């Protein structure tokens, strides 16, 4: 799966994915600029708001150096919306054969979510060796990922869900973790208040922590 290999390469290089729920499309470029200034190039815009697709379109059009994906894709309609908005990858909270088919139809790199050994087996049987571990903290955190490492040595993960500045290093230290995703980099309250300088600081701190591993 060449698309997945390309996505793995991006995540291995960047290591930090900002997960953002954007309520106002007008916030897309200031957010992207703040994250980029702090050193975070990869943004996952969740498909949870009416502004999500417009936000992806704006970033892709005006900030070509940013890497923009669509998150929370739960059905084929979400994949089509992500593709039409120009998303470069898609993230789902789980894995199903129907989603696997939708990702293929959309011809987009896909990061499916898993939380259990059975889900990892299903996703891997379908050809996925890069998986989102979600919700990371609730599903066992670093202890679970450490246990998975010996059973699934060919699988690598991007944990999201409960990852914060306080625990990000413990995740990135694991050999089967290529990157982490987190909402702590783009808090809704800071976006609503247009506190872009503070978001830049959060991004810079995250990159600093990632480089320490």
Protein backbone atom coordinates (compact mmCIF):
# COMPACT_ATOMS: atom_id res chain seq x y z
CA UNK A 1 0.00 0.00 0.00
CA UNK A 2 2.04 2.90 -1.33
CA UNK A 3 -0.29 5.53 0.15
CA UNK A 4 0.16 4.10 3.63
CA UNK A 5 3.95 3.94 3.21
CA UNK A 6 3.93 7.61 2.24
CA UNK A 7 1.84 8.45 5.32
CA UNK A 8 4.18 6.45 7.57
CA UNK A 9 7.15 8.36 6.17
CA UNK A 10 5.46 11.68 6.93
CA UNK A 11 4.58 10.67 10.48
CA UNK A 12 8.05 9.26 11.18
CA UNK A 13 9.55 12.58 10.10
CA UNK A 14 7.11 14.93 11.81
CA UNK A 15 6.18 12.91 14.93
CA UNK A 16 3.52 15.41 16.08
CA UNK A 17 0.01 15.68 14.64
CA UNK A 18 -2.19 18.55 15.78
CA UNK A 19 -5.81 17.42 16.05
CA UNK A 20 -8.12 20.39 15.61
CA UNK A 21 -11.89 20.81 15.75
CA UNK A 22 -12.46 24.07 13.87
CA UNK A 23 -15.75 25.83 14.44
CA UNK A 24 -15.02 28.81 12.19
CA UNK A 25 -13.44 28.43 8.79
CA UNK A 26 -11.83 31.85 9.29
CA UNK A 27 -9.67 30.31 12.02
CA UNK A 28 -8.09 27.77 9.66
CA UNK A 29 -5.21 29.88 8.35
CA UNK A 30 -4.30 31.59 11.65
CA UNK A 31 -4.27 28.15 13.28
CA UNK A 32 -2.13 26.62 10.55
CA UNK A 33 0.27 29.56 10.73
CA UNK A 34 0.59 29.33 14.52
CA UNK A 35 1.24 25.59 14.41
CA UNK A 36 3.69 25.94 11.53
CA UNK A 37 5.58 28.72 13.32
CA UNK A 38 5.92 26.40 16.29
CA UNK A 39 7.24 23.60 14.09
CA UNK A 40 4.12 21.44 13.66
CA UNK A 41 3.36 20.83 9.97
CA UNK A 42 0.74 18.07 10.20
CA UNK A 43 -2.85 19.00 11.04
CA UNK A 44 -5.81 16.65 11.37
CA UNK A 45 -9.03 18.65 11.01
CA UNK A 46 -11.84 16.62 12.52
CA UNK A 47 -15.03 16.27 10.49
CA UNK A 48 -17.15 17.23 13.48
CA UNK A 49 -18.21 20.72 12.47
CA UNK A 50 -19.89 22.39 9.51
CA UNK A 51 -16.70 24.39 8.94
CA UNK A 52 -14.34 21.39 8.72
CA UNK A 53 -14.23 20.92 4.95
CA UNK A 54 -13.96 24.64 4.27
CA UNK A 55 -11.10 24.81 6.78
CA UNK A 56 -9.26 21.98 5.00
CA UNK A 57 -9.80 23.68 1.64
CA UNK A 58 -8.43 27.00 2.92
CA UNK A 59 -5.28 25.49 4.40
CA UNK A 60 -4.58 23.33 1.36
CA UNK A 61 -5.04 26.28 -1.00
CA UNK A 62 -3.12 28.94 0.92
CA UNK A 63 -0.54 26.94 2.87
CA UNK A 64 0.89 24.29 0.53
CA UNK A 65 3.71 23.40 2.94
CA UNK A 66 1.23 22.21 5.56
CA UNK A 67 0.13 18.56 5.57
CA UNK A 68 -3.61 18.46 6.17
CA UNK A 69 -5.77 15.46 6.93
CA UNK A 70 -9.40 14.89 7.81
CA UNK A 71 -10.26 13.15 11.06
CA UNK A 72 -13.27 11.35 12.52
CA UNK A 73 -14.25 9.83 9.17
CA UNK A 74 -16.89 7.24 10.05
CA UNK A 75 -18.45 6.38 6.69
CA UNK A 76 -17.98 6.63 2.94
CA UNK A 77 -19.55 10.09 2.91
CA UNK A 78 -16.79 11.32 5.22
CA UNK A 79 -14.11 9.94 2.91
CA UNK A 80 -15.70 11.60 -0.10
CA UNK A 81 -15.95 14.92 1.74
CA UNK A 82 -12.30 14.65 2.78
CA UNK A 83 -11.21 13.91 -0.79
CA UNK A 84 -13.28 16.73 -2.25
CA UNK A 85 -11.89 19.19 0.31
CA UNK A 86 -8.33 18.27 -0.68
CA UNK A 87 -7.32 16.33 2.42
CA UNK A 88 -4.01 14.52 2.08
CA UNK A 89 -4.94 11.72 4.46
CA UNK A 90 -7.93 10.50 6.45
CA UNK A 91 -8.19 9.30 10.06
CA UNK A 92 -10.97 7.16 11.54
CA UNK A 93 -11.74 6.28 15.17
CA UNK A 94 -12.08 2.60 14.25
CA UNK A 95 -11.66 -0.03 11.55
CA UNK A 96 -14.35 -1.79 9.50
CA UNK A 97 -14.24 -3.51 6.10
CA UNK A 98 -16.65 -0.86 4.79
CA UNK A 99 -14.28 1.93 5.82
CA UNK A 100 -11.39 0.06 4.23
CA UNK A 101 -13.36 -0.05 0.99
CA UNK A 102 -14.27 3.62 1.25
CA UNK A 103 -10.62 4.57 1.74
CA UNK A 104 -9.68 2.63 -1.37
CA UNK A 105 -12.43 4.30 -3.39
CA UNK A 106 -11.31 7.73 -2.24
CA UNK A 107 -7.67 6.85 -3.04
CA UNK A 108 -6.46 8.55 0.12
CA UNK A 109 -3.94 7.35 2.71
CA UNK A 110 -5.96 6.11 5.66
CA UNK A 111 -5.10 5.84 9.34
CA UNK A 112 -7.69 3.50 10.91
CA UNK A 113 -8.23 3.38 14.65
CA UNK A 114 -7.84 0.32 16.87
CA UNK A 115 -8.03 -0.31 20.59
CA UNK A 116 -7.77 -4.10 20.96
CA UNK A 117 -5.69 -7.02 19.71
CA UNK A 118 -8.61 -8.31 17.64
CA UNK A 119 -8.98 -4.96 15.90
CA UNK A 120 -5.25 -4.87 15.17
CA UNK A 121 -5.50 -8.34 13.62
CA UNK A 122 -8.42 -7.30 11.41
CA UNK A 123 -6.71 -4.13 10.24
CA UNK A 124 -3.40 -5.86 9.64
CA UNK A 125 -5.07 -8.66 7.67
CA UNK A 126 -6.47 -5.92 5.43
CA UNK A 127 -2.95 -4.62 4.80
CA UNK A 128 -2.58 -1.88 7.40
CA UNK A 129 0.67 -1.71 9.36
CA UNK A 130 0.20 1.90 10.55
CA UNK A 131 -2.68 2.28 12.98
CA UNK A 132 -4.19 4.89 15.21
CA UNK A 133 -4.35 3.70 18.84
CA UNK A 134 -7.53 5.28 20.18
CA UNK A 135 -8.55 6.28 22.76
CA UNK A 136 -4.96 5.84 23.88
CA UNK A 137 -5.11 6.60 27.58
CA UNK A 138 -8.49 4.95 28.13
CA UNK A 139 -7.39 1.85 26.18
CA UNK A 140 -4.31 1.22 28.30
CA UNK A 141 -1.84 3.88 27.24
CA UNK A 142 1.85 3.08 27.03
CA UNK A 143 1.42 -0.20 28.89
CA UNK A 144 -0.93 -1.52 26.22
CA UNK A 145 1.34 -0.36 23.41
CA UNK A 146 4.33 -2.00 25.06
CA UNK A 147 2.39 -5.26 25.25
CA UNK A 148 1.37 -5.00 21.59
CA UNK A 149 4.99 -4.51 20.52
CA UNK A 150 6.01 -8.12 21.14
CA UNK A 151 2.84 -9.60 19.63
CA UNK A 152 2.64 -7.29 16.59
CA UNK A 153 6.26 -6.34 15.81
CA UNK A 154 5.33 -5.38 12.24
CA UNK A 155 2.72 -2.79 13.33
CA UNK A 156 3.38 0.82 14.34
CA UNK A 157 1.00 3.25 15.97
CA UNK A 158 -0.07 6.86 16.25
CA UNK A 159 -1.71 7.10 19.68
CA UNK A 160 -4.34 9.79 20.19
CA UNK A 161 -6.92 10.39 22.88
CA UNK A 162 -5.58 11.58 26.19
CA UNK A 163 -2.10 12.38 24.89
CA UNK A 164 -0.86 15.61 26.47
CA UNK A 165 2.30 17.64 26.91
CA UNK A 166 2.78 15.82 30.22
CA UNK A 167 2.79 12.28 28.81
CA UNK A 168 3.81 12.75 25.16
CA UNK A 169 7.44 11.78 25.76
CA UNK A 170 6.45 8.46 27.35
CA UNK A 171 4.58 7.59 24.15
CA UNK A 172 7.27 8.76 21.75
CA UNK A 173 9.90 6.74 23.61
CA UNK A 174 8.16 3.50 22.56
CA UNK A 175 9.72 1.81 19.52
CA UNK A 176 6.32 1.00 17.98
CA UNK A 177 5.09 4.61 18.14
CA UNK A 178 5.93 6.69 15.06
CA UNK A 179 4.01 9.81 16.07
CA UNK A 180 1.34 11.10 18.42
CA UNK A 181 -1.81 13.10 17.80
CA UNK A 182 -3.31 15.51 20.25
CA UNK A 183 -5.99 18.12 20.74
CA UNK A 184 -3.88 19.85 23.38
CA UNK A 185 -2.08 21.69 20.55
CA UNK A 186 -5.24 23.44 19.35
CA UNK A 187 -7.53 23.94 22.35
CA UNK A 188 -10.99 25.18 21.36
CA UNK A 189 -10.84 27.91 24.01
CA UNK A 190 -7.61 29.34 22.58
CA UNK A 191 -8.97 29.23 19.05
CA UNK A 192 -12.19 30.93 20.11
CA UNK A 193 -10.15 33.67 21.80
CA UNK A 194 -7.77 33.88 18.82
CA UNK A 195 -4.80 33.25 21.07
CA UNK A 196 -2.54 32.19 18.22
CA UNK A 197 0.70 33.06 20.00
CA UNK A 198 -0.19 30.64 22.80
CA UNK A 199 -0.94 27.91 20.28
CA UNK A 200 2.45 28.57 18.70
CA UNK A 201 4.04 28.11 22.12
CA UNK A 202 2.22 24.80 22.61
CA UNK A 203 3.42 23.62 19.21
CA UNK A 204 7.01 24.64 19.86
CA UNK A 205 7.00 22.84 23.18
CA UNK A 206 5.60 19.68 21.59
CA UNK A 207 8.29 19.71 18.90
CA UNK A 208 10.95 20.20 21.57
CA UNK A 209 9.66 17.19 23.48
CA UNK A 210 9.57 15.10 20.30
CA UNK A 211 13.15 15.98 19.43
CA UNK A 212 14.27 14.82 22.86
CA UNK A 213 13.40 11.23 21.90
